Amino acid sequence: SVAALAACSSSNNDAAGNGAAQTFGGYSVADLQQRYNTVYFGFDKYDITGEYVQILDAHAAYLNATPAAKVLVEGNTDERGTPEYNIALGQRRADAVKGYLAGKGVDAGKLGTVSYGEEKPAVLGHDEAAYSKNRRAVLAY
């Protein structure tokens, strides 16, 4: 049973290319999926700033090179504003990331979006330190 799982895991890595050794824009697949999968935004903003271009380009390279890969872009906000406004703002953030990736050639069928508004904070708190971590879009593979 364990051997079958190991073989299955190995073949999945082979299907993606060279497994853990494969990088996109200098980032491993694991890093893209777990460490570098969040874009942060300014207050009431949904524009992607230059500091995220390299990371998003690496995500685009991974998605373009991996036929089975799909991503759900989850838009989030801090708690300020009405729930309705925040759902719309979270959607604009998710759509901005989706639009960037599509602009880099990623097939739209691989890109989903959802807005959680203020419902799924990354950090609890009522100050700018918490708010700044909650204004985000997360690429969930």
Protein backbone atom coordinates (compact mmCIF):
# COMPACT_ATOMS: atom_id res chain seq x y z
CA SER A 1 0.00 0.00 0.00
CA VAL A 2 2.78 2.41 0.91
CA ALA A 3 4.72 1.44 -2.20
CA ALA A 4 1.66 2.09 -4.36
CA LEU A 5 1.28 5.54 -2.83
CA ALA A 6 4.93 6.33 -3.41
CA ALA A 7 4.68 5.19 -7.01
CA CYS A 8 1.55 7.27 -7.52
CA SER A 9 3.24 10.32 -6.01
CA SER A 10 6.31 9.79 -8.18
CA SER A 11 4.28 9.50 -11.36
CA ASN A 12 2.40 12.72 -10.51
CA ASN A 13 5.72 14.53 -10.19
CA ASP A 14 6.90 13.07 -13.47
CA ALA A 15 3.70 14.22 -15.19
CA ALA A 16 4.43 17.77 -14.04
CA GLY A 17 7.98 17.62 -15.39
CA ASN A 18 11.00 17.02 -13.21
CA GLY A 19 9.18 16.94 -9.88
CA ALA A 20 10.50 19.01 -7.02
CA ALA A 21 13.56 20.12 -9.02
CA GLN A 22 11.40 21.98 -11.53
CA THR A 23 11.18 25.74 -10.96
CA PHE A 24 9.21 28.57 -12.52
CA GLY A 25 10.71 32.02 -12.34
CA GLY A 26 13.09 30.71 -9.70
CA TYR A 27 10.30 29.35 -7.47
CA SER A 28 9.57 25.68 -6.83
CA VAL A 29 6.01 24.44 -7.33
CA ALA A 30 5.70 23.92 -3.56
CA ASP A 31 6.81 27.50 -2.88
CA LEU A 32 4.34 28.88 -5.42
CA GLN A 33 1.49 26.85 -3.96
CA GLN A 34 2.27 27.39 -0.27
CA ARG A 35 4.60 30.35 0.39
CA TYR A 36 4.31 32.78 -2.53
CA ASN A 37 0.60 32.50 -3.24
CA THR A 38 -0.70 35.80 -1.84
CA VAL A 39 -0.94 39.28 -3.34
CA TYR A 40 -1.58 42.12 -0.88
CA PHE A 41 -3.43 45.34 -1.69
CA GLY A 42 -3.65 48.88 -0.35
CA PHE A 43 -6.73 50.20 1.39
CA ASP A 44 -9.73 50.15 -0.99
CA LYS A 45 -7.39 49.17 -3.86
CA TYR A 46 -7.33 46.30 -6.30
CA ASP A 47 -4.37 47.21 -8.50
CA ILE A 48 -1.42 44.82 -8.60
CA THR A 49 1.76 46.59 -7.56
CA GLY A 50 5.19 45.94 -9.05
CA GLU A 51 6.40 43.90 -6.10
CA TYR A 52 4.08 41.05 -7.15
CA VAL A 53 4.93 40.94 -10.87
CA GLN A 54 7.78 38.41 -10.53
CA ILE A 55 5.70 36.06 -8.37
CA LEU A 56 2.64 36.29 -10.63
CA ASP A 57 4.82 35.75 -13.70
CA ALA A 58 6.13 32.57 -12.05
CA HIS A 59 2.54 31.42 -11.37
CA ALA A 60 1.68 32.11 -15.02
CA ALA A 61 4.71 30.09 -16.18
CA TYR A 62 3.68 27.18 -13.95
CA LEU A 63 0.05 27.27 -15.10
CA ASN A 64 1.08 27.52 -18.77
CA ALA A 65 3.55 24.62 -18.47
CA THR A 66 1.27 22.31 -16.47
CA PRO A 67 -1.81 21.16 -18.38
CA ALA A 68 -3.67 19.80 -15.34
CA ALA A 69 -3.00 22.80 -13.10
CA LYS A 70 -5.91 25.06 -12.15
CA VAL A 71 -6.11 27.84 -9.58
CA LEU A 72 -8.89 29.52 -7.64
CA VAL A 73 -8.11 33.16 -6.88
CA GLU A 74 -9.72 34.07 -3.56
CA GLY A 75 -10.35 37.78 -3.01
CA ASN A 76 -10.40 39.10 0.57
CA THR A 77 -10.76 42.42 2.38
CA ASP A 78 -10.31 43.83 5.84
CA GLU A 79 -13.36 44.36 8.05
CA ARG A 80 -13.92 48.02 7.23
CA GLY A 81 -16.85 48.78 4.93
CA THR A 82 -20.18 47.05 4.49
CA PRO A 83 -20.26 43.31 3.82
CA GLU A 84 -21.75 43.99 0.37
CA TYR A 85 -19.03 46.49 -0.53
CA ASN A 86 -16.33 44.12 0.68
CA ILE A 87 -17.67 41.19 -1.35
CA ALA A 88 -17.49 43.42 -4.46
CA LEU A 89 -13.99 44.68 -3.58
CA GLY A 90 -12.75 41.14 -2.93
CA GLN A 91 -14.10 40.14 -6.33
CA ARG A 92 -12.28 43.04 -8.00
CA ARG A 93 -9.05 41.87 -6.33
CA ALA A 94 -9.56 38.28 -7.49
CA ASP A 95 -10.44 39.50 -10.99
CA ALA A 96 -7.30 41.69 -11.09
CA VAL A 97 -5.08 38.68 -10.41
CA LYS A 98 -7.04 36.53 -12.87
CA GLY A 99 -6.73 39.26 -15.50
CA TYR A 100 -2.99 39.54 -14.95
CA LEU A 101 -2.51 35.78 -15.34
CA ALA A 102 -4.75 35.68 -18.43
CA GLY A 103 -2.66 38.53 -19.87
CA LYS A 104 0.36 36.24 -19.51
CA GLY A 105 -1.31 33.60 -21.66
CA VAL A 106 -2.97 31.43 -19.00
CA ASP A 107 -6.14 29.84 -20.37
CA ALA A 108 -9.20 31.38 -18.70
CA GLY A 109 -10.57 27.88 -18.10
CA LYS A 110 -7.76 27.28 -15.61
CA LEU A 111 -8.62 30.40 -13.60
CA GLY A 112 -11.50 30.60 -11.14
CA THR A 113 -12.38 33.45 -8.80
CA VAL A 114 -14.33 33.83 -5.60
CA SER A 115 -14.73 36.68 -3.10
CA TYR A 116 -14.89 36.08 0.61
CA GLY A 117 -14.97 39.80 1.42
CA GLU A 118 -14.22 40.19 5.12
CA GLU A 119 -15.40 36.66 6.05
CA LYS A 120 -12.03 34.86 6.08
CA PRO A 121 -9.46 37.10 7.77
CA ALA A 122 -5.86 35.87 7.71
CA VAL A 123 -5.17 37.85 10.90
CA LEU A 124 -7.57 38.82 13.66
CA GLY A 125 -7.32 42.38 14.91
CA HIS A 126 -8.69 45.86 14.51
CA ASP A 127 -5.62 47.85 13.49
CA GLU A 128 -3.60 48.50 10.33
CA ALA A 129 -1.19 45.64 11.10
CA ALA A 130 -4.10 43.19 10.86
CA TYR A 131 -5.95 45.05 8.09
CA SER A 132 -2.89 45.02 5.81
CA LYS A 133 -2.65 41.20 6.01
CA ASN A 134 -6.36 40.77 5.25
CA ARG A 135 -6.43 42.90 2.07
CA ARG A 136 -5.32 40.11 -0.22
CA ALA A 137 -5.92 37.68 -3.03
CA VAL A 138 -4.82 34.08 -2.46
CA LEU A 139 -3.97 31.68 -5.29
CA ALA A 140 -5.40 28.34 -4.11
CA TYR A 141 -4.34 25.29 -6.13
